[in-house]
């Protein structure tokens, strides 16, 4: 049995043991019974070219990406660029993680050039390494658009879970922020912008201080959360949560100025001129046992006050958990595709 299923079963038992927490029992059972999609073990895509393990920076062997280039669309137009940032609590995952595959397998068949990024995980390097790696990858991709043959004038970036944090930080920070990692080929005269035009945030870790209040608000006891996420908690090395391990300091012990450095909301307020030009698509399951959906609801409220209602969409999926496969259904991804194309000029 898969580790995730075992943990969910244990979470169900913990919720049942607590008796009165009916919502926790419901959420745990929905996670345990959610449908899984089959992904072929071998990628035999024949719709274009695949470039695996493309190095975008020489800072670390972890700085690589996979690039999928479909044949040119009708009329000879170059494919648009869709960038994928995997999740994994900042401690696991890579460019071929399950959710990354669900995304690039769909969007490359829809005519997008898909780049799936890997970055330095927390075990290798603390914050802001992952943010700087992803921004370097975006600059590399924009700088090499002609070489590979895609259109990078406007870039869509997708991130899920911890990758949602990275995608959001890339989207709301400027070229003068988190730019110390050079991409391969970068020079003073050859260093394009890391600007993101469309953000797709899937159940992202976006509120660094909201977990406990959200668990209480949705009726999820801490012990159920702990059991459901035990695989990640075991990698925290004594820190209070997975992000604190990456930050190398507990968020609860940070000063305001220290929190500002790592808090996406700080940059949203600071860089409103950047956020104003951003289009945002968000998805979250209401039975998420890892990142409660309320964090995405708050982010939607915050961003919609800057972007405007026409440029942001939040889809809350009933009965879905963290990284549930049906969040990547053809129906949802097709709707997302329509949103993206509607914001490309």
Protein backbone atom coordinates (compact mmCIF):
# COMPACT_ATOMS: atom_id res chain seq x y z
CA UNK A 1 0.00 0.00 0.00
CA UNK A 2 1.28 3.48 -0.85
CA UNK A 3 2.75 5.48 2.04
CA UNK A 4 0.26 8.29 1.51
CA UNK A 5 -2.68 5.89 1.83
CA UNK A 6 -1.28 4.42 5.04
CA UNK A 7 -0.89 7.89 6.52
CA UNK A 8 -4.43 8.83 5.56
CA UNK A 9 -5.78 5.65 7.17
CA UNK A 10 -3.90 6.51 10.34
CA UNK A 11 -5.31 10.02 10.15
CA UNK A 12 -8.82 8.55 9.90
CA UNK A 13 -8.18 6.43 12.98
CA UNK A 14 -6.83 9.44 14.86
CA UNK A 15 -9.90 11.47 13.89
CA UNK A 16 -12.22 8.64 14.95
CA UNK A 17 -10.40 8.34 18.26
CA UNK A 18 -11.09 12.00 18.92
CA UNK A 19 -14.79 11.34 18.44
CA UNK A 20 -16.42 14.73 18.11
CA UNK A 21 -14.35 15.95 15.15
CA UNK A 22 -16.77 14.87 12.41
CA UNK A 23 -15.26 17.21 9.82
CA UNK A 24 -11.83 15.66 10.35
CA UNK A 25 -13.29 12.19 9.84
CA UNK A 26 -15.00 13.30 6.61
CA UNK A 27 -11.84 14.96 5.28
CA UNK A 28 -9.71 11.94 6.08
CA UNK A 29 -12.09 9.52 4.37
CA UNK A 30 -12.32 11.72 1.27
CA UNK A 31 -8.53 11.71 1.02
CA UNK A 32 -8.43 7.94 1.39
CA UNK A 33 -11.05 7.28 -1.30
CA UNK A 34 -10.10 9.89 -3.91
CA UNK A 35 -9.53 8.56 -7.42
CA UNK A 36 -5.95 8.08 -8.68
CA UNK A 37 -4.92 8.40 -12.34
CA UNK A 38 -2.58 6.01 -14.05
CA UNK A 39 0.59 7.57 -15.43
CA UNK A 40 2.64 5.44 -17.85
CA UNK A 41 6.02 4.62 -16.36
CA UNK A 42 7.83 5.42 -19.61
CA UNK A 43 7.26 8.72 -21.37
CA UNK A 44 6.76 7.85 -25.02
CA UNK A 45 5.46 11.24 -26.15
CA UNK A 46 5.78 11.62 -29.91
CA UNK A 47 4.31 15.10 -30.32
CA UNK A 48 7.61 16.93 -30.39
CA UNK A 49 11.09 17.07 -28.89
CA UNK A 50 12.16 16.32 -25.30
CA UNK A 51 15.26 17.74 -23.66
CA UNK A 52 15.98 16.16 -20.28
CA UNK A 53 18.25 17.50 -17.53
CA UNK A 54 19.04 20.81 -19.20
CA UNK A 55 21.35 22.74 -16.88
CA UNK A 56 20.23 26.34 -16.34
CA UNK A 57 22.81 27.25 -13.69
CA UNK A 58 26.22 26.04 -12.61
CA UNK A 59 25.58 26.79 -8.93
CA UNK A 60 24.40 23.23 -8.19
CA UNK A 61 23.79 19.92 -9.97
CA UNK A 62 20.18 20.36 -8.77
CA UNK A 63 19.73 23.33 -11.11
CA UNK A 64 18.27 21.64 -14.17
CA UNK A 65 15.01 21.49 -16.09
CA UNK A 66 13.21 19.27 -18.58
CA UNK A 67 11.88 20.90 -21.73
CA UNK A 68 9.10 19.58 -23.96
CA UNK A 69 8.67 21.24 -27.34
CA UNK A 70 5.61 20.42 -29.44
CA UNK A 71 5.54 20.87 -33.17
CA UNK A 72 4.71 24.43 -34.21
CA UNK A 73 1.03 25.23 -34.13
CA UNK A 74 -1.04 26.04 -37.20
CA UNK A 75 0.23 29.09 -39.01
CA UNK A 76 3.81 28.45 -37.91
CA UNK A 77 3.44 30.25 -34.59
CA UNK A 78 5.94 29.33 -31.93
CA UNK A 79 4.49 27.56 -28.87
CA UNK A 80 3.92 29.59 -25.72
CA UNK A 81 6.02 28.81 -22.64
CA UNK A 82 4.48 27.05 -19.63
CA UNK A 83 6.82 26.68 -16.63
CA UNK A 84 6.19 24.02 -13.97
CA UNK A 85 7.57 24.09 -10.41
CA UNK A 86 7.10 20.88 -8.43
CA UNK A 87 6.14 20.70 -4.77
CA UNK A 88 7.27 18.38 -1.99
CA UNK A 89 7.50 20.49 1.17
CA UNK A 90 10.82 21.98 0.00
CA UNK A 91 12.40 18.62 0.92
CA UNK A 92 11.39 16.21 -1.85
CA UNK A 93 10.28 15.95 -5.47
CA UNK A 94 11.88 16.70 -8.80
CA UNK A 95 11.06 17.76 -12.35
CA UNK A 96 9.24 14.48 -13.04
CA UNK A 97 7.17 14.38 -9.85
CA UNK A 98 3.64 13.07 -10.26
CA UNK A 99 1.89 16.45 -10.33
CA UNK A 100 4.49 17.92 -12.68
CA UNK A 101 3.84 15.04 -15.06
CA UNK A 102 0.08 15.54 -14.91
CA UNK A 103 0.64 19.14 -15.96
CA UNK A 104 3.22 18.80 -18.71
CA UNK A 105 1.59 15.73 -20.24
CA UNK A 106 -1.61 17.75 -20.68
CA UNK A 107 -0.22 21.11 -21.73
CA UNK A 108 2.43 19.91 -24.17
CA UNK A 109 -0.40 18.14 -26.02
CA UNK A 110 -2.24 21.48 -26.05
CA UNK A 111 0.63 23.09 -27.94
CA UNK A 112 2.62 24.67 -25.09
CA UNK A 113 6.36 24.45 -24.65
CA UNK A 114 6.59 23.00 -21.13
CA UNK A 115 9.62 23.46 -18.89
CA UNK A 116 9.62 21.49 -15.64
CA UNK A 117 12.11 22.97 -13.17
CA UNK A 118 14.13 21.30 -10.45
CA UNK A 119 15.79 23.41 -7.78
CA UNK A 120 17.89 23.03 -4.63
CA UNK A 121 15.87 21.40 -1.85
CA UNK A 122 16.08 22.40 1.80
CA UNK A 123 18.58 19.66 2.67
CA UNK A 124 21.06 21.17 0.23
CA UNK A 125 20.47 24.89 0.69
CA UNK A 126 18.30 27.12 2.86
CA UNK A 127 16.01 29.92 1.75
CA UNK A 128 16.23 31.79 -0.59
CA UNK A 129 18.05 29.20 -2.73
CA UNK A 130 14.92 27.66 -4.24
CA UNK A 131 13.44 31.05 -5.11
CA UNK A 132 16.67 32.24 -6.70
CA UNK A 133 17.05 28.98 -8.64
CA UNK A 134 13.55 29.26 -10.10
CA UNK A 135 14.03 32.88 -11.09
CA UNK A 136 17.36 31.99 -12.72
CA UNK A 137 15.57 29.21 -14.64
CA UNK A 138 12.95 31.68 -15.89
CA UNK A 139 15.67 34.06 -17.09
CA UNK A 140 17.47 31.16 -18.79
CA UNK A 141 14.28 30.12 -20.54
CA UNK A 142 13.57 33.64 -21.73
CA UNK A 143 17.18 34.10 -22.90
CA UNK A 144 17.10 30.84 -24.90
CA UNK A 145 13.68 31.16 -26.51
CA UNK A 146 15.11 31.54 -30.01
CA UNK A 147 17.54 28.65 -29.51
CA UNK A 148 14.78 26.20 -28.66
CA UNK A 149 12.02 27.79 -30.72
CA UNK A 150 9.26 28.88 -28.36
CA UNK A 151 7.63 32.21 -27.54
CA UNK A 152 8.67 33.56 -24.13
CA UNK A 153 7.26 37.06 -24.48
CA UNK A 154 4.65 36.07 -21.89
CA UNK A 155 5.35 33.31 -19.40
CA UNK A 156 2.91 31.20 -17.40
CA UNK A 157 4.26 29.59 -14.24
CA UNK A 158 2.55 26.76 -12.36
CA UNK A 159 3.44 25.68 -8.83
CA UNK A 160 1.84 23.17 -6.49
CA UNK A 161 2.16 23.05 -2.69
CA UNK A 162 5.71 24.24 -1.86
CA UNK A 163 6.07 24.91 -5.58
CA UNK A 164 3.10 27.24 -5.23
CA UNK A 165 5.12 29.33 -2.81
CA UNK A 166 8.05 29.41 -5.24
CA UNK A 167 5.80 30.28 -8.19
CA UNK A 168 4.11 33.04 -6.19
CA UNK A 169 7.44 34.51 -5.07
CA UNK A 170 8.69 34.48 -8.66
CA UNK A 171 5.50 36.27 -9.72
CA UNK A 172 5.42 39.07 -7.14
CA UNK A 173 9.12 39.99 -6.94
CA UNK A 174 11.12 42.16 -9.31
CA UNK A 175 14.32 41.65 -11.23
CA UNK A 176 16.27 43.32 -8.45
CA UNK A 177 15.09 40.74 -5.89
CA UNK A 178 16.42 37.18 -5.43
CA UNK A 179 18.68 37.43 -8.47
CA UNK A 180 22.06 36.30 -7.14
CA UNK A 181 22.03 32.95 -9.01
CA UNK A 182 23.35 33.50 -12.56
CA UNK A 183 21.96 31.40 -15.38
CA UNK A 184 24.29 29.72 -17.84
CA UNK A 185 25.15 32.28 -20.51
CA UNK A 186 24.24 35.30 -18.42
CA UNK A 187 26.21 38.48 -18.99
CA UNK A 188 25.63 42.13 -18.15
CA UNK A 189 24.19 42.65 -21.61
CA UNK A 190 22.40 39.29 -21.80
CA UNK A 191 20.21 39.08 -18.71
CA UNK A 192 16.49 39.23 -19.55
CA UNK A 193 13.68 39.74 -17.08
CA UNK A 194 12.28 37.02 -14.83
CA UNK A 195 8.82 38.61 -15.11
CA UNK A 196 5.86 36.24 -14.83
CA UNK A 197 2.64 37.11 -16.63
CA UNK A 198 0.26 34.34 -15.53
CA UNK A 199 0.45 32.52 -12.20
CA UNK A 200 -1.22 29.14 -11.64
CA UNK A 201 -1.23 28.32 -7.92
CA UNK A 202 -2.33 24.85 -6.85
CA UNK A 203 -2.94 24.52 -3.08
CA UNK A 204 0.19 26.57 -2.51
CA UNK A 205 1.97 27.22 0.77
CA UNK A 206 1.37 30.96 0.73
CA UNK A 207 0.60 32.03 4.32
CA UNK A 208 3.58 31.41 6.58
CA UNK A 209 1.69 32.15 9.82
CA UNK A 210 -1.80 30.82 9.14
CA UNK A 211 -1.64 27.05 9.77
CA UNK A 212 -2.82 26.78 13.38
CA UNK A 213 -5.71 29.22 13.01
CA UNK A 214 -6.80 27.49 9.80
CA UNK A 215 -6.70 24.03 11.38
CA UNK A 216 -8.92 25.33 14.17
CA UNK A 217 -11.27 27.08 11.76
CA UNK A 218 -11.91 23.95 9.68
CA UNK A 219 -12.10 21.62 12.67
CA UNK A 220 -8.94 19.63 12.00
CA UNK A 221 -7.07 18.64 15.19
CA UNK A 222 -3.32 19.03 15.18
CA UNK A 223 -2.81 15.32 15.74
CA UNK A 224 -4.70 14.47 12.54
CA UNK A 225 -2.62 17.00 10.61
CA UNK A 226 0.56 15.56 12.16
CA UNK A 227 -0.31 11.97 11.32
CA UNK A 228 -1.36 12.81 7.74
CA UNK A 229 1.92 14.66 7.13
CA UNK A 230 4.25 12.47 9.15
CA UNK A 231 6.49 11.75 6.15
CA UNK A 232 7.31 15.44 5.95
CA UNK A 233 7.47 16.08 9.68
CA UNK A 234 10.17 13.44 9.95
CA UNK A 235 12.40 15.60 7.72
CA UNK A 236 12.06 18.83 9.72
CA UNK A 237 15.11 18.24 11.94
CA UNK A 238 13.45 19.74 15.01
CA UNK A 239 11.87 22.80 13.38
CA UNK A 240 8.19 23.55 13.97
CA UNK A 241 7.13 23.06 10.35
CA UNK A 242 8.58 22.19 6.95
CA UNK A 243 9.02 25.80 5.85
CA UNK A 244 10.79 26.74 9.08
CA UNK A 245 13.34 24.03 8.33
CA UNK A 246 13.95 25.61 4.92
CA UNK A 247 14.13 29.08 6.50
CA UNK A 248 16.44 27.61 9.19
CA UNK A 249 14.45 29.46 11.83
CA UNK A 250 11.01 28.84 13.27
CA UNK A 251 8.53 31.29 11.81
CA UNK A 252 7.03 31.85 15.27
CA UNK A 253 10.43 33.09 16.50
CA UNK A 254 11.08 35.50 13.64
CA UNK A 255 11.02 39.26 14.05
CA UNK A 256 8.77 41.26 11.76
CA UNK A 257 11.70 42.19 9.54
CA UNK A 258 12.80 38.53 9.32
CA UNK A 259 9.26 37.43 8.41
CA UNK A 260 9.02 40.08 5.74
CA UNK A 261 11.98 38.58 3.90
CA UNK A 262 10.20 35.23 3.48
CA UNK A 263 6.55 36.34 3.38
CA UNK A 264 4.87 36.58 -0.07
CA UNK A 265 2.34 39.06 1.33
CA UNK A 266 5.14 41.51 2.04
CA UNK A 267 6.17 41.49 -1.62
CA UNK A 268 2.57 41.72 -2.83
CA UNK A 269 2.23 44.95 -0.85
CA UNK A 270 5.67 46.20 -1.81
CA UNK A 271 5.44 45.45 -5.54
CA UNK A 272 1.88 46.37 -6.44
CA UNK A 273 3.04 47.64 -9.83
CA UNK A 274 4.16 44.08 -10.63
CA UNK A 275 1.06 42.40 -9.20
CA UNK A 276 -1.25 44.73 -11.11
CA UNK A 277 -0.10 43.16 -14.40
CA UNK A 278 -0.45 39.59 -13.13
CA UNK A 279 -3.22 37.15 -14.08
CA UNK A 280 -3.86 34.41 -11.50
CA UNK A 281 -5.60 31.04 -11.56
CA UNK A 282 -5.96 29.20 -8.23
CA UNK A 283 -7.17 25.72 -7.25
CA UNK A 284 -7.52 24.15 -3.80
CA UNK A 285 -9.39 21.18 -2.37
CA UNK A 286 -11.63 21.75 0.65
CA UNK A 287 -10.40 18.49 2.25
CA UNK A 288 -6.71 19.37 2.13
CA UNK A 289 -4.98 17.86 5.20
CA UNK A 290 -1.64 19.58 4.53
CA UNK A 291 -2.45 23.18 3.58
CA UNK A 292 -6.00 24.20 4.57
CA UNK A 293 -7.92 25.83 1.72
CA UNK A 294 -8.46 28.98 3.79
CA UNK A 295 -4.92 30.08 2.99
CA UNK A 296 -5.77 30.17 -0.74
CA UNK A 297 -9.03 31.97 0.00
CA UNK A 298 -7.06 34.72 1.79
CA UNK A 299 -4.57 34.96 -1.04
CA UNK A 300 -7.42 35.30 -3.54
CA UNK A 301 -8.95 38.13 -1.51
CA UNK A 302 -5.58 39.87 -1.29
CA UNK A 303 -4.61 39.52 -4.95
CA UNK A 304 -8.05 40.32 -6.36
CA UNK A 305 -7.85 43.72 -4.71
CA UNK A 306 -4.77 44.43 -6.83
CA UNK A 307 -5.25 42.50 -10.08
CA UNK A 308 -8.98 43.10 -10.41
CA UNK A 309 -11.70 40.45 -10.58
CA UNK A 310 -11.33 39.81 -14.32
CA UNK A 311 -7.73 38.66 -13.97
CA UNK A 312 -8.02 36.22 -11.08
CA UNK A 313 -9.98 33.02 -10.55
CA UNK A 314 -10.22 30.71 -7.52
CA UNK A 315 -11.69 27.24 -7.92
CA UNK A 316 -12.46 25.42 -4.65
CA UNK A 317 -12.95 21.71 -5.30
CA UNK A 318 -15.28 19.85 -2.94
CA UNK A 319 -14.01 16.61 -1.41
CA UNK A 320 -10.48 16.98 -2.78
CA UNK A 321 -7.34 16.63 -0.69
CA UNK A 322 -3.77 17.79 -1.07
CA UNK A 323 -2.48 16.96 -4.56
CA UNK A 324 -5.55 14.84 -5.38
CA UNK A 325 -5.36 13.59 -8.96
CA UNK A 326 -8.87 14.82 -9.94
CA UNK A 327 -7.59 18.37 -9.47
CA UNK A 328 -5.76 17.64 -12.73
CA UNK A 329 -8.80 16.42 -14.65
CA UNK A 330 -9.23 17.32 -18.30
CA UNK A 331 -12.21 19.48 -17.32
CA UNK A 332 -10.25 21.62 -14.87
CA UNK A 333 -7.11 21.85 -17.00
CA UNK A 334 -9.15 22.74 -20.08
CA UNK A 335 -10.80 25.55 -18.15
CA UNK A 336 -7.36 26.69 -17.03
CA UNK A 337 -6.13 26.54 -20.62
CA UNK A 338 -9.00 28.83 -21.68
CA UNK A 339 -8.07 31.29 -18.93
CA UNK A 340 -4.40 31.31 -19.97
CA UNK A 341 -5.15 31.78 -23.66
CA UNK A 342 -7.56 34.57 -22.80
CA UNK A 343 -4.70 36.45 -21.12
CA UNK A 344 -2.07 35.91 -23.81
CA UNK A 345 -1.71 38.68 -26.36
